[in-house]
Amino acid sequence: GFTTVRVNDPGLVKELDEHMITYTGHYESKFWSSILSWVIYL
């Protein structure tokens, strides 16, 4: 396994499709973290 920092690369998805690499997307919800930060400030 490996990990790297995502950069703004518009041609990344096209390149992954050309090399037939399986990829999935992951979205992290920041709702509760935002609420918690506001509660601390208040």
ModelCIF file with pLDDT and N, C-alpha, C, O atoms, coordinates in Angstrom:
data_MODEL
#
_entry.id   MODEL 
#
_entity.id                         1 
_entity.type                       polymer 
_entity.pdbx_number_of_molecules   1 
#
_entity_poly.entity_id                      1 
_entity_poly.type                           'polypeptide(L)' 
_entity_poly.nstd_linkage                   no 
_entity_poly.nstd_monomer                   no 
_entity_poly.pdbx_seq_one_letter_code       GFTTVRVNDPGLVKELDEHMITYTGHYESKFWSSILSWVIYL 
_entity_poly.pdbx_seq_one_letter_code_can   GFTTVRVNDPGLVKELDEHMITYTGHYESKFWSSILSWVIYL 
_entity_poly.pdbx_strand_id                 A 
#
loop_
_entity_poly_seq.entity_id 
_entity_poly_seq.num 
_entity_poly_seq.mon_id 
_entity_poly_seq.hetero 
1 1  GLY n 
1 2  PHE n 
1 3  THR n 
1 4  THR n 
1 5  VAL n 
1 6  ARG n 
1 7  VAL n 
1 8  ASN n 
1 9  ASP n 
1 10 PRO n 
1 11 GLY n 
1 12 LEU n 
1 13 VAL n 
1 14 LYS n 
1 15 GLU n 
1 16 LEU n 
1 17 ASP n 
1 18 GLU n 
1 19 HIS n 
1 20 MET n 
1 21 ILE n 
1 22 THR n 
1 23 TYR n 
1 24 THR n 
1 25 GLY n 
1 26 HIS n 
1 27 TYR n 
1 28 GLU n 
1 29 SER n 
1 30 LYS n 
1 31 PHE n 
1 32 TRP n 
1 33 SER n 
1 34 SER n 
1 35 ILE n 
1 36 LEU n 
1 37 SER n 
1 38 TRP n 
1 39 VAL n 
1 40 ILE n 
1 41 TYR n 
1 42 LEU n 
#
_struct_asym.id          A 
_struct_asym.entity_id   1 
#
loop_
_ma_qa_metric.id 
_ma_qa_metric.mode 
_ma_qa_metric.name 
_ma_qa_metric.software_group_id 
_ma_qa_metric.type 
1 global pLDDT . pLDDT 
2 local  pLDDT . pLDDT 
#
_ma_qa_metric_global.metric_id      1 
_ma_qa_metric_global.metric_value   80.50 
_ma_qa_metric_global.model_id       1 
_ma_qa_metric_global.ordinal_id     1 
#
loop_
_ma_qa_metric_local.label_asym_id 
_ma_qa_metric_local.label_comp_id 
_ma_qa_metric_local.label_seq_id 
_ma_qa_metric_local.metric_id 
_ma_qa_metric_local.metric_value 
_ma_qa_metric_local.model_id 
_ma_qa_metric_local.ordinal_id 
A GLY 1  2 86.00 1 1  
A PHE 2  2 88.00 1 2  
A THR 3  2 90.00 1 3  
A THR 4  2 90.00 1 4  
A VAL 5  2 88.00 1 5  
A ARG 6  2 86.00 1 6  
A VAL 7  2 85.00 1 7  
A ASN 8  2 85.00 1 8  
A ASP 9  2 84.00 1 9  
A PRO 10 2 83.00 1 10 
A GLY 11 2 85.00 1 11 
A LEU 12 2 85.00 1 12 
A VAL 13 2 84.00 1 13 
A LYS 14 2 85.00 1 14 
A GLU 15 2 85.00 1 15 
A LEU 16 2 85.00 1 16 
A ASP 17 2 83.00 1 17 
A GLU 18 2 84.00 1 18 
A HIS 19 2 82.00 1 19 
A MET 20 2 84.00 1 20 
A ILE 21 2 85.00 1 21 
A THR 22 2 84.00 1 22 
A TYR 23 2 84.00 1 23 
A THR 24 2 86.00 1 24 
A GLY 25 2 80.00 1 25 
A HIS 26 2 68.00 1 26 
A TYR 27 2 64.00 1 27 
A GLU 28 2 63.00 1 28 
A SER 29 2 63.00 1 29 
A LYS 30 2 65.00 1 30 
A PHE 31 2 68.00 1 31 
A TRP 32 2 71.00 1 32 
A SER 33 2 70.00 1 33 
A SER 34 2 73.00 1 34 
A ILE 35 2 79.00 1 35 
A LEU 36 2 77.00 1 36 
A SER 37 2 75.00 1 37 
A TRP 38 2 80.00 1 38 
A VAL 39 2 84.00 1 39 
A ILE 40 2 85.00 1 40 
A TYR 41 2 83.00 1 41 
A LEU 42 2 87.00 1 42 
#
loop_
_atom_site.group_PDB 
_atom_site.id 
_atom_site.type_symbol 
_atom_site.label_atom_id 
_atom_site.label_alt_id 
_atom_site.label_comp_id 
_atom_site.label_asym_id 
_atom_site.label_entity_id 
_atom_site.label_seq_id 
_atom_site.pdbx_PDB_ins_code 
_atom_site.Cartn_x 
_atom_site.Cartn_y 
_atom_site.Cartn_z 
_atom_site.occupancy 
_atom_site.B_iso_or_equiv 
_atom_site.pdbx_formal_charge 
_atom_site.auth_seq_id 
_atom_site.auth_comp_id 
_atom_site.auth_asym_id 
_atom_site.auth_atom_id 
_atom_site.pdbx_PDB_model_num 
ATOM 1   N N  . GLY A 1 1  ? 0.813   -1.223 0.000   1.00 86.00 ? 1  GLY A N  1 
ATOM 2   C CA . GLY A 1 1  ? 0.000   0.000  0.000   1.00 86.00 ? 1  GLY A CA 1 
ATOM 3   C C  . GLY A 1 1  ? 0.843   1.268  0.000   1.00 86.00 ? 1  GLY A C  1 
ATOM 4   O O  . GLY A 1 1  ? 1.983   1.290  0.465   1.00 86.00 ? 1  GLY A O  1 
ATOM 5   N N  . PHE A 1 2  ? 0.244   2.310  -0.534  1.00 88.00 ? 2  PHE A N  1 
ATOM 6   C CA . PHE A 1 2  ? 0.927   3.614  -0.554  1.00 88.00 ? 2  PHE A CA 1 
ATOM 7   C C  . PHE A 1 2  ? -0.126  4.714  -0.469  1.00 88.00 ? 2  PHE A C  1 
ATOM 8   O O  . PHE A 1 2  ? -1.315  4.476  -0.684  1.00 88.00 ? 2  PHE A O  1 
ATOM 9   N N  . THR A 1 3  ? 0.331   5.915  -0.152  1.00 90.00 ? 3  THR A N  1 
ATOM 10  C CA . THR A 1 3  ? -0.539  7.108  -0.115  1.00 90.00 ? 3  THR A CA 1 
ATOM 11  C C  . THR A 1 3  ? 0.255   8.305  -0.598  1.00 90.00 ? 3  THR A C  1 
ATOM 12  O O  . THR A 1 3  ? 1.466   8.397  -0.393  1.00 90.00 ? 3  THR A O  1 
ATOM 13  N N  . THR A 1 4  ? -0.453  9.221  -1.244  1.00 90.00 ? 4  THR A N  1 
ATOM 14  C CA . THR A 1 4  ? 0.176   10.444 -1.733  1.00 90.00 ? 4  THR A CA 1 
ATOM 15  C C  . THR A 1 4  ? -0.818  11.595 -1.631  1.00 90.00 ? 4  THR A C  1 
ATOM 16  O O  . THR A 1 4  ? -2.026  11.394 -1.498  1.00 90.00 ? 4  THR A O  1 
ATOM 17  N N  . VAL A 1 5  ? -0.278  12.794 -1.695  1.00 88.00 ? 5  VAL A N  1 
ATOM 18  C CA . VAL A 1 5  ? -1.131  13.977 -1.602  1.00 88.00 ? 5  VAL A CA 1 
ATOM 19  C C  . VAL A 1 5  ? -1.781  14.246 -2.949  1.00 88.00 ? 5  VAL A C  1 
ATOM 20  O O  . VAL A 1 5  ? -1.116  14.219 -3.985  1.00 88.00 ? 5  VAL A O  1 
ATOM 21  N N  . ARG A 1 6  ? -3.072  14.503 -2.931  1.00 86.00 ? 6  ARG A N  1 
ATOM 22  C CA . ARG A 1 6  ? -3.776  14.795 -4.187  1.00 86.00 ? 6  ARG A CA 1 
ATOM 23  C C  . ARG A 1 6  ? -3.491  16.226 -4.609  1.00 86.00 ? 6  ARG A C  1 
ATOM 24  O O  . ARG A 1 6  ? -3.577  17.153 -3.804  1.00 86.00 ? 6  ARG A O  1 
ATOM 25  N N  . VAL A 1 7  ? -3.153  16.396 -5.880  1.00 85.00 ? 7  VAL A N  1 
ATOM 26  C CA . VAL A 1 7  ? -2.924  17.713 -6.459  1.00 85.00 ? 7  VAL A CA 1 
ATOM 27  C C  . VAL A 1 7  ? -3.943  17.948 -7.548  1.00 85.00 ? 7  VAL A C  1 
ATOM 28  O O  . VAL A 1 7  ? -4.636  17.024 -7.972  1.00 85.00 ? 7  VAL A O  1 
ATOM 29  N N  . ASN A 1 8  ? -4.036  19.195 -8.007  1.00 85.00 ? 8  ASN A N  1 
ATOM 30  C CA . ASN A 1 8  ? -4.990  19.542 -9.070  1.00 85.00 ? 8  ASN A CA 1 
ATOM 31  C C  . ASN A 1 8  ? -4.428  19.059 -10.416 1.00 85.00 ? 8  ASN A C  1 
ATOM 32  O O  . ASN A 1 8  ? -3.601  19.727 -11.036 1.00 85.00 ? 8  ASN A O  1 
ATOM 33  N N  . ASP A 1 9  ? -4.896  17.890 -10.846 1.00 84.00 ? 9  ASP A N  1 
ATOM 34  C CA . ASP A 1 9  ? -4.416  17.262 -12.081 1.00 84.00 ? 9  ASP A CA 1 
ATOM 35  C C  . ASP A 1 9  ? -5.625  16.858 -12.926 1.00 84.00 ? 9  ASP A C  1 
ATOM 36  O O  . ASP A 1 9  ? -6.166  15.769 -12.737 1.00 84.00 ? 9  ASP A O  1 
ATOM 37  N N  . PRO A 1 10 ? -6.065  17.729 -13.868 1.00 83.00 ? 10 PRO A N  1 
ATOM 38  C CA . PRO A 1 10 ? -7.274  17.413 -14.661 1.00 83.00 ? 10 PRO A CA 1 
ATOM 39  C C  . PRO A 1 10 ? -7.146  16.152 -15.505 1.00 83.00 ? 10 PRO A C  1 
ATOM 40  O O  . PRO A 1 10 ? -8.155  15.509 -15.799 1.00 83.00 ? 10 PRO A O  1 
ATOM 41  N N  . GLY A 1 11 ? -5.922  15.779 -15.905 1.00 85.00 ? 11 GLY A N  1 
ATOM 42  C CA . GLY A 1 11 ? -5.766  14.604 -16.784 1.00 85.00 ? 11 GLY A CA 1 
ATOM 43  C C  . GLY A 1 11 ? -5.579  13.298 -16.065 1.00 85.00 ? 11 GLY A C  1 
ATOM 44  O O  . GLY A 1 11 ? -5.292  12.285 -16.704 1.00 85.00 ? 11 GLY A O  1 
ATOM 45  N N  . LEU A 1 12 ? -5.735  13.281 -14.724 1.00 85.00 ? 12 LEU A N  1 
ATOM 46  C CA . LEU A 1 12 ? -5.481  12.055 -13.973 1.00 85.00 ? 12 LEU A CA 1 
ATOM 47  C C  . LEU A 1 12 ? -6.490  10.972 -14.302 1.00 85.00 ? 12 LEU A C  1 
ATOM 48  O O  . LEU A 1 12 ? -6.106  9.822  -14.511 1.00 85.00 ? 12 LEU A O  1 
ATOM 49  N N  . VAL A 1 13 ? -7.790  11.313 -14.354 1.00 84.00 ? 13 VAL A N  1 
ATOM 50  C CA . VAL A 1 13 ? -8.823  10.294 -14.611 1.00 84.00 ? 13 VAL A CA 1 
ATOM 51  C C  . VAL A 1 13 ? -8.648  9.691  -15.999 1.00 84.00 ? 13 VAL A C  1 
ATOM 52  O O  . VAL A 1 13 ? -8.789  8.479  -16.158 1.00 84.00 ? 13 VAL A O  1 
ATOM 53  N N  . LYS A 1 14 ? -8.342  10.512 -17.016 1.00 85.00 ? 14 LYS A N  1 
ATOM 54  C CA . LYS A 1 14 ? -8.142  10.008 -18.384 1.00 85.00 ? 14 LYS A CA 1 
ATOM 55  C C  . LYS A 1 14 ? -6.956  9.048  -18.432 1.00 85.00 ? 14 LYS A C  1 
ATOM 56  O O  . LYS A 1 14 ? -6.990  8.028  -19.120 1.00 85.00 ? 14 LYS A O  1 
ATOM 57  N N  . GLU A 1 15 ? -5.905  9.398  -17.685 1.00 85.00 ? 15 GLU A N  1 
ATOM 58  C CA . GLU A 1 15 ? -4.725  8.545  -17.675 1.00 85.00 ? 15 GLU A CA 1 
ATOM 59  C C  . GLU A 1 15 ? -5.010  7.212  -16.982 1.00 85.00 ? 15 GLU A C  1 
ATOM 60  O O  . GLU A 1 15 ? -4.508  6.171  -17.406 1.00 85.00 ? 15 GLU A O  1 
ATOM 61  N N  . LEU A 1 16 ? -5.821  7.241  -15.912 1.00 85.00 ? 16 LEU A N  1 
ATOM 62  C CA . LEU A 1 16 ? -6.180  5.998  -15.223 1.00 85.00 ? 16 LEU A CA 1 
ATOM 63  C C  . LEU A 1 16 ? -7.010  5.103  -16.134 1.00 85.00 ? 16 LEU A C  1 
ATOM 64  O O  . LEU A 1 16 ? -6.831  3.885  -16.146 1.00 85.00 ? 16 LEU A O  1 
ATOM 65  N N  . ASP A 1 17 ? -7.921  5.708  -16.897 1.00 83.00 ? 17 ASP A N  1 
ATOM 66  C CA . ASP A 1 17 ? -8.736  4.904  -17.817 1.00 83.00 ? 17 ASP A CA 1 
ATOM 67  C C  . ASP A 1 17 ? -7.882  4.273  -18.918 1.00 83.00 ? 17 ASP A C  1 
ATOM 68  O O  . ASP A 1 17 ? -8.120  3.129  -19.305 1.00 83.00 ? 17 ASP A O  1 
ATOM 69  N N  . GLU A 1 18 ? -6.892  5.010  -19.422 1.00 84.00 ? 18 GLU A N  1 
ATOM 70  C CA . GLU A 1 18 ? -6.041  4.467  -20.479 1.00 84.00 ? 18 GLU A CA 1 
ATOM 71  C C  . GLU A 1 18 ? -5.256  3.247  -20.005 1.00 84.00 ? 18 GLU A C  1 
ATOM 72  O O  . GLU A 1 18 ? -5.035  2.314  -20.776 1.00 84.00 ? 18 GLU A O  1 
ATOM 73  N N  . HIS A 1 19 ? -4.834  3.249  -18.741 1.00 82.00 ? 19 HIS A N  1 
ATOM 74  C CA . HIS A 1 19 ? -4.072  2.121  -18.214 1.00 82.00 ? 19 HIS A CA 1 
ATOM 75  C C  . HIS A 1 19 ? -4.969  1.110  -17.499 1.00 82.00 ? 19 HIS A C  1 
ATOM 76  O O  . HIS A 1 19 ? -4.484  0.186  -16.847 1.00 82.00 ? 19 HIS A O  1 
ATOM 77  N N  . MET A 1 20 ? -6.301  1.302  -17.631 1.00 84.00 ? 20 MET A N  1 
ATOM 78  C CA . MET A 1 20 ? -7.289  0.356  -17.097 1.00 84.00 ? 20 MET A CA 1 
ATOM 79  C C  . MET A 1 20 ? -7.039  0.063  -15.599 1.00 84.00 ? 20 MET A C  1 
ATOM 80  O O  . MET A 1 20 ? -7.000  -1.088 -15.163 1.00 84.00 ? 20 MET A O  1 
ATOM 81  N N  . ILE A 1 21 ? -6.875  1.147  -14.849 1.00 85.00 ? 21 ILE A N  1 
ATOM 82  C CA . ILE A 1 21 ? -6.663  1.046  -13.399 1.00 85.00 ? 21 ILE A CA 1 
ATOM 83  C C  . ILE A 1 21 ? -8.007  1.253  -12.698 1.00 85.00 ? 21 ILE A C  1 
ATOM 84  O O  . ILE A 1 21 ? -8.707  2.225  -12.981 1.00 85.00 ? 21 ILE A O  1 
ATOM 85  N N  . THR A 1 22 ? -8.366  0.363  -11.803 1.00 84.00 ? 22 THR A N  1 
ATOM 86  C CA . THR A 1 22 ? -9.619  0.476  -11.052 1.00 84.00 ? 22 THR A CA 1 
ATOM 87  C C  . THR A 1 22 ? -9.466  1.554  -9.963  1.00 84.00 ? 22 THR A C  1 
ATOM 88  O O  . THR A 1 22 ? -8.513  1.538  -9.184  1.00 84.00 ? 22 THR A O  1 
ATOM 89  N N  . TYR A 1 23 ? -10.428 2.487  -9.932  1.00 84.00 ? 23 TYR A N  1 
ATOM 90  C CA . TYR A 1 23 ? -10.359 3.568  -8.931  1.00 84.00 ? 23 TYR A CA 1 
ATOM 91  C C  . TYR A 1 23 ? -11.764 3.862  -8.416  1.00 84.00 ? 23 TYR A C  1 
ATOM 92  O O  . TYR A 1 23 ? -12.758 3.659  -9.113  1.00 84.00 ? 23 TYR A O  1 
ATOM 93  N N  . THR A 1 24 ? -11.818 4.338  -7.195  1.00 86.00 ? 24 THR A N  1 
ATOM 94  C CA . THR A 1 24 ? -13.083 4.746  -6.558  1.00 86.00 ? 24 THR A CA 1 
ATOM 95  C C  . THR A 1 24 ? -12.861 6.106  -5.882  1.00 86.00 ? 24 THR A C  1 
ATOM 96  O O  . THR A 1 24 ? -11.739 6.520  -5.587  1.00 86.00 ? 24 THR A O  1 
ATOM 97  N N  . GLY A 1 25 ? -14.011 6.779  -5.656  1.00 80.00 ? 25 GLY A N  1 
ATOM 98  C CA . GLY A 1 25 ? -13.952 8.085  -4.969  1.00 80.00 ? 25 GLY A CA 1 
ATOM 99  C C  . GLY A 1 25 ? -14.365 7.960  -3.504  1.00 80.00 ? 25 GLY A C  1 
ATOM 100 O O  . GLY A 1 25 ? -15.131 7.071  -3.130  1.00 80.00 ? 25 GLY A O  1 
ATOM 101 N N  . HIS A 1 26 ? -13.837 8.874  -2.684  1.00 68.00 ? 26 HIS A N  1 
ATOM 102 C CA . HIS A 1 26 ? -14.165 8.876  -1.241  1.00 68.00 ? 26 HIS A CA 1 
ATOM 103 C C  . HIS A 1 26 ? -14.363 10.319 -0.790  1.00 68.00 ? 26 HIS A C  1 
ATOM 104 O O  . HIS A 1 26 ? -13.496 11.170 -0.987  1.00 68.00 ? 26 HIS A O  1 
ATOM 105 N N  . TYR A 1 27 ? -15.528 10.580 -0.176  1.00 64.00 ? 27 TYR A N  1 
ATOM 106 C CA . TYR A 1 27 ? -15.857 11.932 0.298   1.00 64.00 ? 27 TYR A CA 1 
ATOM 107 C C  . TYR A 1 27 ? -16.030 11.897 1.809   1.00 64.00 ? 27 TYR A C  1 
ATOM 108 O O  . TYR A 1 27 ? -16.791 11.081 2.328   1.00 64.00 ? 27 TYR A O  1 
ATOM 109 N N  . GLU A 1 28 ? -15.326 12.781 2.521   1.00 63.00 ? 28 GLU A N  1 
ATOM 110 C CA . GLU A 1 28 ? -15.394 12.863 3.982   1.00 63.00 ? 28 GLU A CA 1 
ATOM 111 C C  . GLU A 1 28 ? -16.326 14.008 4.376   1.00 63.00 ? 28 GLU A C  1 
ATOM 112 O O  . GLU A 1 28 ? -16.105 15.155 3.989   1.00 63.00 ? 28 GLU A O  1 
ATOM 113 N N  . SER A 1 29 ? -17.360 13.693 5.142   1.00 63.00 ? 29 SER A N  1 
ATOM 114 C CA . SER A 1 29 ? -18.299 14.720 5.610   1.00 63.00 ? 29 SER A CA 1 
ATOM 115 C C  . SER A 1 29 ? -17.689 15.498 6.782   1.00 63.00 ? 29 SER A C  1 
ATOM 116 O O  . SER A 1 29 ? -17.202 14.899 7.740   1.00 63.00 ? 29 SER A O  1 
ATOM 117 N N  . LYS A 1 30 ? -17.717 16.828 6.703   1.00 65.00 ? 30 LYS A N  1 
ATOM 118 C CA . LYS A 1 30 ? -17.146 17.692 7.752   1.00 65.00 ? 30 LYS A CA 1 
ATOM 119 C C  . LYS A 1 30 ? -18.230 18.384 8.571   1.00 65.00 ? 30 LYS A C  1 
ATOM 120 O O  . LYS A 1 30 ? -17.972 19.381 9.245   1.00 65.00 ? 30 LYS A O  1 
ATOM 121 N N  . PHE A 1 31 ? -19.459 17.840 8.504   1.00 68.00 ? 31 PHE A N  1 
ATOM 122 C CA . PHE A 1 31 ? -20.563 18.504 9.201   1.00 68.00 ? 31 PHE A CA 1 
ATOM 123 C C  . PHE A 1 31 ? -20.336 18.536 10.708  1.00 68.00 ? 31 PHE A C  1 
ATOM 124 O O  . PHE A 1 31 ? -20.419 19.591 11.336  1.00 68.00 ? 31 PHE A O  1 
ATOM 125 N N  . TRP A 1 32 ? -20.047 17.364 11.283  1.00 71.00 ? 32 TRP A N  1 
ATOM 126 C CA . TRP A 1 32 ? -19.910 17.303 12.739  1.00 71.00 ? 32 TRP A CA 1 
ATOM 127 C C  . TRP A 1 32 ? -18.647 18.015 13.212  1.00 71.00 ? 32 TRP A C  1 
ATOM 128 O O  . TRP A 1 32 ? -18.643 18.617 14.286  1.00 71.00 ? 32 TRP A O  1 
ATOM 129 N N  . SER A 1 33 ? -17.591 17.954 12.434  1.00 70.00 ? 33 SER A N  1 
ATOM 130 C CA . SER A 1 33 ? -16.375 18.670 12.828  1.00 70.00 ? 33 SER A CA 1 
ATOM 131 C C  . SER A 1 33 ? -16.595 20.183 12.804  1.00 70.00 ? 33 SER A C  1 
ATOM 132 O O  . SER A 1 33 ? -16.069 20.905 13.651  1.00 70.00 ? 33 SER A O  1 
ATOM 133 N N  . SER A 1 34 ? -17.384 20.664 11.820  1.00 73.00 ? 34 SER A N  1 
ATOM 134 C CA . SER A 1 34 ? -17.685 22.092 11.774  1.00 73.00 ? 34 SER A CA 1 
ATOM 135 C C  . SER A 1 34 ? -18.537 22.518 12.956  1.00 73.00 ? 34 SER A C  1 
ATOM 136 O O  . SER A 1 34 ? -18.304 23.561 13.568  1.00 73.00 ? 34 SER A O  1 
ATOM 137 N N  . ILE A 1 35 ? -19.537 21.685 13.270  1.00 79.00 ? 35 ILE A N  1 
ATOM 138 C CA . ILE A 1 35 ? -20.391 21.999 14.431  1.00 79.00 ? 35 ILE A CA 1 
ATOM 139 C C  . ILE A 1 35 ? -19.565 22.035 15.706  1.00 79.00 ? 35 ILE A C  1 
ATOM 140 O O  . ILE A 1 35 ? -19.728 22.932 16.534  1.00 79.00 ? 35 ILE A O  1 
ATOM 141 N N  . LEU A 1 36 ? -18.678 21.062 15.864  1.00 77.00 ? 36 LEU A N  1 
ATOM 142 C CA . LEU A 1 36 ? -17.851 20.999 17.067  1.00 77.00 ? 36 LEU A CA 1 
ATOM 143 C C  . LEU A 1 36 ? -16.946 22.222 17.194  1.00 77.00 ? 36 LEU A C  1 
ATOM 144 O O  . LEU A 1 36 ? -16.764 22.757 18.288  1.00 77.00 ? 36 LEU A O  1 
ATOM 145 N N  . SER A 1 37 ? -16.383 22.659 16.074  1.00 75.00 ? 37 SER A N  1 
ATOM 146 C CA . SER A 1 37 ? -15.520 23.844 16.135  1.00 75.00 ? 37 SER A CA 1 
ATOM 147 C C  . SER A 1 37 ? -16.312 25.094 16.528  1.00 75.00 ? 37 SER A C  1 
ATOM 148 O O  . SER A 1 37 ? -15.825 25.916 17.303  1.00 75.00 ? 37 SER A O  1 
ATOM 149 N N  . TRP A 1 38 ? -17.534 25.239 15.996  1.00 80.00 ? 38 TRP A N  1 
ATOM 150 C CA . TRP A 1 38 ? -18.363 26.390 16.372  1.00 80.00 ? 38 TRP A CA 1 
ATOM 151 C C  . TRP A 1 38 ? -18.749 26.337 17.846  1.00 80.00 ? 38 TRP A C  1 
ATOM 152 O O  . TRP A 1 38 ? -18.774 27.368 18.519  1.00 80.00 ? 38 TRP A O  1 
ATOM 153 N N  . VAL A 1 39 ? -19.052 25.133 18.353  1.00 84.00 ? 39 VAL A N  1 
ATOM 154 C CA . VAL A 1 39 ? -19.426 24.998 19.763  1.00 84.00 ? 39 VAL A CA 1 
ATOM 155 C C  . VAL A 1 39 ? -18.262 25.403 20.659  1.00 84.00 ? 39 VAL A C  1 
ATOM 156 O O  . VAL A 1 39 ? -18.466 26.051 21.686  1.00 84.00 ? 39 VAL A O  1 
ATOM 157 N N  . ILE A 1 40 ? -17.057 25.030 20.282  1.00 85.00 ? 40 ILE A N  1 
ATOM 158 C CA . ILE A 1 40 ? -15.882 25.391 21.089  1.00 85.00 ? 40 ILE A CA 1 
ATOM 159 C C  . ILE A 1 40 ? -15.699 26.904 21.116  1.00 85.00 ? 40 ILE A C  1 
ATOM 160 O O  . ILE A 1 40 ? -15.465 27.485 22.176  1.00 85.00 ? 40 ILE A O  1 
ATOM 161 N N  . TYR A 1 41 ? -15.805 27.547 19.944  1.00 83.00 ? 41 TYR A N  1 
ATOM 162 C CA . TYR A 1 41 ? -15.648 29.005 19.888  1.00 83.00 ? 41 TYR A CA 1 
ATOM 163 C C  . TYR A 1 41 ? -16.731 29.719 20.698  1.00 83.00 ? 41 TYR A C  1 
ATOM 164 O O  . TYR A 1 41 ? -16.440 30.664 21.432  1.00 83.00 ? 41 TYR A O  1 
ATOM 165 N N  . LEU A 1 42 ? -17.986 29.265 20.562  1.00 87.00 ? 42 LEU A N  1 
ATOM 166 C CA . LEU A 1 42 ? -19.078 29.892 21.317  1.00 87.00 ? 42 LEU A CA 1 
ATOM 167 C C  . LEU A 1 42 ? -18.896 29.694 22.818  1.00 87.00 ? 42 LEU A C  1 
ATOM 168 O O  . LEU A 1 42 ? -19.722 30.156 23.606  1.00 87.00 ? 42 LEU A O  1 
#
